C-alpha atoms as a PDB file:
ATOM      1  CA  MET A   1     -21.696 -17.938  10.324  1.00  0.00           C
ATOM      2  CA  GLU A   2     -19.417 -17.905   7.304  1.00  0.00           C
ATOM      3  CA  GLN A   3     -17.932 -14.619   6.158  1.00  0.00           C
ATOM      4  CA  VAL A   4     -18.375 -13.749   2.473  1.00  0.00           C
ATOM      5  CA  VAL A   5     -15.776 -11.569   0.775  1.00  0.00           C
ATOM      6  CA  TYR A   6     -16.346 -10.299  -2.755  1.00  0.00           C
ATOM      7  CA  ILE A   7     -12.974 -10.235  -4.468  1.00  0.00           C
ATOM      8  CA  ASP A   8     -13.876  -7.525  -6.990  1.00  0.00           C
ATOM      9  CA  SER A   9     -15.006  -5.133  -4.247  1.00  0.00           C
ATOM     10  CA  LEU A  10     -12.002  -6.001  -2.094  1.00  0.00           C
ATOM     11  CA  PHE A  11      -9.656  -5.272  -5.000  1.00  0.00           C
ATOM     12  CA  ALA A  12     -11.386  -2.009  -5.964  1.00  0.00           C
ATOM     13  CA  VAL A  13     -11.487  -0.568  -2.451  1.00  0.00           C
ATOM     14  CA  ASN A  14      -7.898  -1.553  -1.687  1.00  0.00           C
ATOM     15  CA  PHE A  15      -6.686  -0.161  -5.008  1.00  0.00           C
ATOM     16  CA  ALA A  16      -8.379   3.193  -4.344  1.00  0.00           C
ATOM     17  CA  VAL A  17      -7.087   3.448  -0.767  1.00  0.00           C
ATOM     18  CA  ASN A  18      -3.541   2.386  -1.710  1.00  0.00           C
ATOM     19  CA  TYR A  19      -3.505   4.843  -4.616  1.00  0.00           C
ATOM     20  CA  LEU A  20      -4.562   7.726  -2.371  1.00  0.00           C
ATOM     21  CA  LEU A  21      -2.052   6.728   0.331  1.00  0.00           C
ATOM     22  CA  LEU A  22       0.821   6.533  -2.164  1.00  0.00           C
ATOM     23  CA  LEU A  23      -0.255   9.824  -3.747  1.00  0.00           C
ATOM     24  CA  SER A  24      -0.473  11.520  -0.335  1.00  0.00           C
ATOM     25  CA  ALA A  25       2.940  10.215   0.683  1.00  0.00           C
ATOM     26  CA  ALA A  26       4.387  11.535  -2.581  1.00  0.00           C
ATOM     27  CA  ARG A  27       2.952  14.989  -1.912  1.00  0.00           C
ATOM     28  CA  PHE A  28       4.156  15.073   1.711  1.00  0.00           C
ATOM     29  CA  SER A  29       7.656  13.813   0.888  1.00  0.00           C
ATOM     30  CA  GLY A  30       8.171  15.879  -2.251  1.00  0.00           C
ATOM     31  CA  ALA A  31       8.542  12.800  -4.454  1.00  0.00           C
ATOM     32  CA  PRO A  32       7.939  13.183  -8.171  1.00  0.00           C
ATOM     33  CA  MET A  33       4.359  12.156  -8.863  1.00  0.00           C
ATOM     34  CA  ARG A  34       4.197   9.636 -11.640  1.00  0.00           C
ATOM     35  CA  ARG A  35       0.592   8.539 -11.501  1.00  0.00           C
ATOM     36  CA  GLY A  36       1.184   5.457 -13.649  1.00  0.00           C
ATOM     37  CA  ARG A  37       3.850   4.140 -11.283  1.00  0.00           C
ATOM     38  CA  ILE A  38       1.664   4.978  -8.298  1.00  0.00           C
ATOM     39  CA  ALA A  39      -1.204   3.045  -9.913  1.00  0.00           C
ATOM     40  CA  VAL A  40       1.034  -0.007 -10.426  1.00  0.00           C
ATOM     41  CA  GLY A  41       2.126   0.124  -6.776  1.00  0.00           C
ATOM     42  CA  ALA A  42      -1.495   0.451  -5.668  1.00  0.00           C
ATOM     43  CA  GLY A  43      -2.449  -2.478  -7.899  1.00  0.00           C
ATOM     44  CA  LEU A  44       0.206  -4.646  -6.271  1.00  0.00           C
ATOM     45  CA  GLY A  45      -1.186  -3.773  -2.847  1.00  0.00           C
ATOM     46  CA  ALA A  46      -4.722  -4.585  -3.986  1.00  0.00           C
ATOM     47  CA  LEU A  47      -3.610  -7.951  -5.389  1.00  0.00           C
ATOM     48  CA  TYR A  48      -1.957  -8.686  -2.050  1.00  0.00           C
ATOM     49  CA  ALA A  49      -5.199  -7.874  -0.205  1.00  0.00           C
ATOM     50  CA  VAL A  50      -7.045 -10.356  -2.411  1.00  0.00           C
ATOM     51  CA  ALA A  51      -4.337 -13.023  -2.002  1.00  0.00           C
ATOM     52  CA  VAL A  52      -4.597 -12.914   1.802  1.00  0.00           C
ATOM     53  CA  TYR A  53      -8.177 -14.195   1.562  1.00  0.00           C
ATOM     54  CA  LEU A  54      -7.370 -17.084  -0.768  1.00  0.00           C
ATOM     55  CA  PRO A  55      -7.282 -20.544   0.830  1.00  0.00           C
ATOM     56  CA  GLY A  56      -3.789 -21.487   1.950  1.00  0.00           C
ATOM     57  CA  PHE A  57      -2.381 -17.957   1.758  1.00  0.00           C
ATOM     58  CA  GLY A  58      -3.148 -16.808   5.307  1.00  0.00           C
ATOM     59  CA  PHE A  59       0.584 -16.653   6.041  1.00  0.00           C
ATOM     60  CA  LEU A  60       0.682 -13.488   3.912  1.00  0.00           C
ATOM     61  CA  GLY A  61      -1.015 -11.643   6.777  1.00  0.00           C
ATOM     62  CA  GLY A  62       2.171 -11.567   8.874  1.00  0.00           C
ATOM     63  CA  PHE A  63       3.838  -8.279   9.778  1.00  0.00           C
ATOM     64  CA  GLY A  64       7.059  -9.034   7.908  1.00  0.00           C
ATOM     65  CA  VAL A  65       5.233  -9.744   4.673  1.00  0.00           C
ATOM     66  CA  LYS A  66       3.153  -6.576   5.052  1.00  0.00           C
ATOM     67  CA  ALA A  67       6.237  -4.443   5.714  1.00  0.00           C
ATOM     68  CA  GLY A  68       8.088  -5.989   2.771  1.00  0.00           C
ATOM     69  CA  LEU A  69       5.151  -5.426   0.466  1.00  0.00           C
ATOM     70  CA  ALA A  70       4.853  -1.781   1.553  1.00  0.00           C
ATOM     71  CA  ALA A  71       8.543  -1.329   0.740  1.00  0.00           C
ATOM     72  CA  LEU A  72       8.038  -2.931  -2.678  1.00  0.00           C
ATOM     73  CA  MET A  73       5.008  -0.712  -3.319  1.00  0.00           C
ATOM     74  CA  ALA A  74       7.090   2.375  -2.469  1.00  0.00           C
ATOM     75  CA  LEU A  75       9.924   1.199  -4.704  1.00  0.00           C
ATOM     76  CA  ILE A  76       7.530   0.712  -7.610  1.00  0.00           C
ATOM     77  CA  ALA A  77       5.657   3.984  -7.006  1.00  0.00           C
ATOM     78  CA  TYR A  78       8.633   6.268  -6.421  1.00  0.00           C
ATOM     79  CA  GLY A  79      11.624   4.527  -7.964  1.00  0.00           C
ATOM     80  CA  LEU A  80      15.222   4.997  -6.912  1.00  0.00           C
ATOM     81  CA  GLU A  81      15.682   8.601  -8.022  1.00  0.00           C
ATOM     82  CA  GLY A  82      18.357  10.025  -5.793  1.00  0.00           C
ATOM     83  CA  GLY A  83      19.287   6.669  -4.272  1.00  0.00           C
ATOM     84  CA  TRP A  84      18.101   4.637  -1.319  1.00  0.00           C
ATOM     85  CA  LYS A  85      17.964   7.436   1.241  1.00  0.00           C
ATOM     86  CA  PRO A  86      15.119   9.385  -0.460  1.00  0.00           C
ATOM     87  CA  LEU A  87      13.262   6.105  -1.030  1.00  0.00           C
ATOM     88  CA  LEU A  88      13.546   5.268   2.681  1.00  0.00           C
ATOM     89  CA  LYS A  89      12.200   8.737   3.541  1.00  0.00           C
ATOM     90  CA  ARG A  90       9.266   8.218   1.173  1.00  0.00           C
ATOM     91  CA  LEU A  91       8.615   4.755   2.601  1.00  0.00           C
ATOM     92  CA  LEU A  92       8.538   6.150   6.146  1.00  0.00           C
ATOM     93  CA  VAL A  93       6.130   8.889   5.038  1.00  0.00           C
ATOM     94  CA  PHE A  94       3.973   6.240   3.326  1.00  0.00           C
ATOM     95  CA  TRP A  95       3.880   4.213   6.549  1.00  0.00           C
ATOM     96  CA  GLY A  96       3.089   7.350   8.554  1.00  0.00           C
ATOM     97  CA  VAL A  97       0.178   8.281   6.290  1.00  0.00           C
ATOM     98  CA  SER A  98      -1.067   4.676   6.411  1.00  0.00           C
ATOM     99  CA  PHE A  99      -0.882   4.553  10.210  1.00  0.00           C
ATOM    100  CA  ALA A 100      -2.643   7.931  10.465  1.00  0.00           C
ATOM    101  CA  LEU A 101      -5.490   6.690   8.264  1.00  0.00           C
ATOM    102  CA  ALA A 102      -5.733   3.461  10.276  1.00  0.00           C
ATOM    103  CA  GLY A 103      -5.903   5.462  13.497  1.00  0.00           C
ATOM    104  CA  ALA A 104      -8.593   7.733  12.107  1.00  0.00           C
ATOM    105  CA  VAL A 105     -10.666   4.756  10.966  1.00  0.00           C
ATOM    106  CA  MET A 106     -10.302   3.065  14.364  1.00  0.00           C
ATOM    107  CA  ALA A 107     -11.293   6.279  16.135  1.00  0.00           C
ATOM    108  CA  ALA A 108     -14.373   6.657  13.960  1.00  0.00           C
END
């Protein structure tokens, strides 16, 4: 049986989840909350989620690409205020929040 994926729903759900994850990571790490930048980062993540399902783009599902995209999302959402060290801290918090959500979903 063929799986059907609706791109508009995929984009909307991923945008909302990415936005909340980036917002949560900002709160936990003490990053300045610029909702516009967070929305752009979440939009990039949602576009990535859509691209993975496009024919010929399955290679985007690899771990390295996912990790690189998460770093780019954090860079867009939080910027380089204070240098690379605070950005790395915020990225690690973002990954931690993401892993915690994934674990909670798997447990449910």
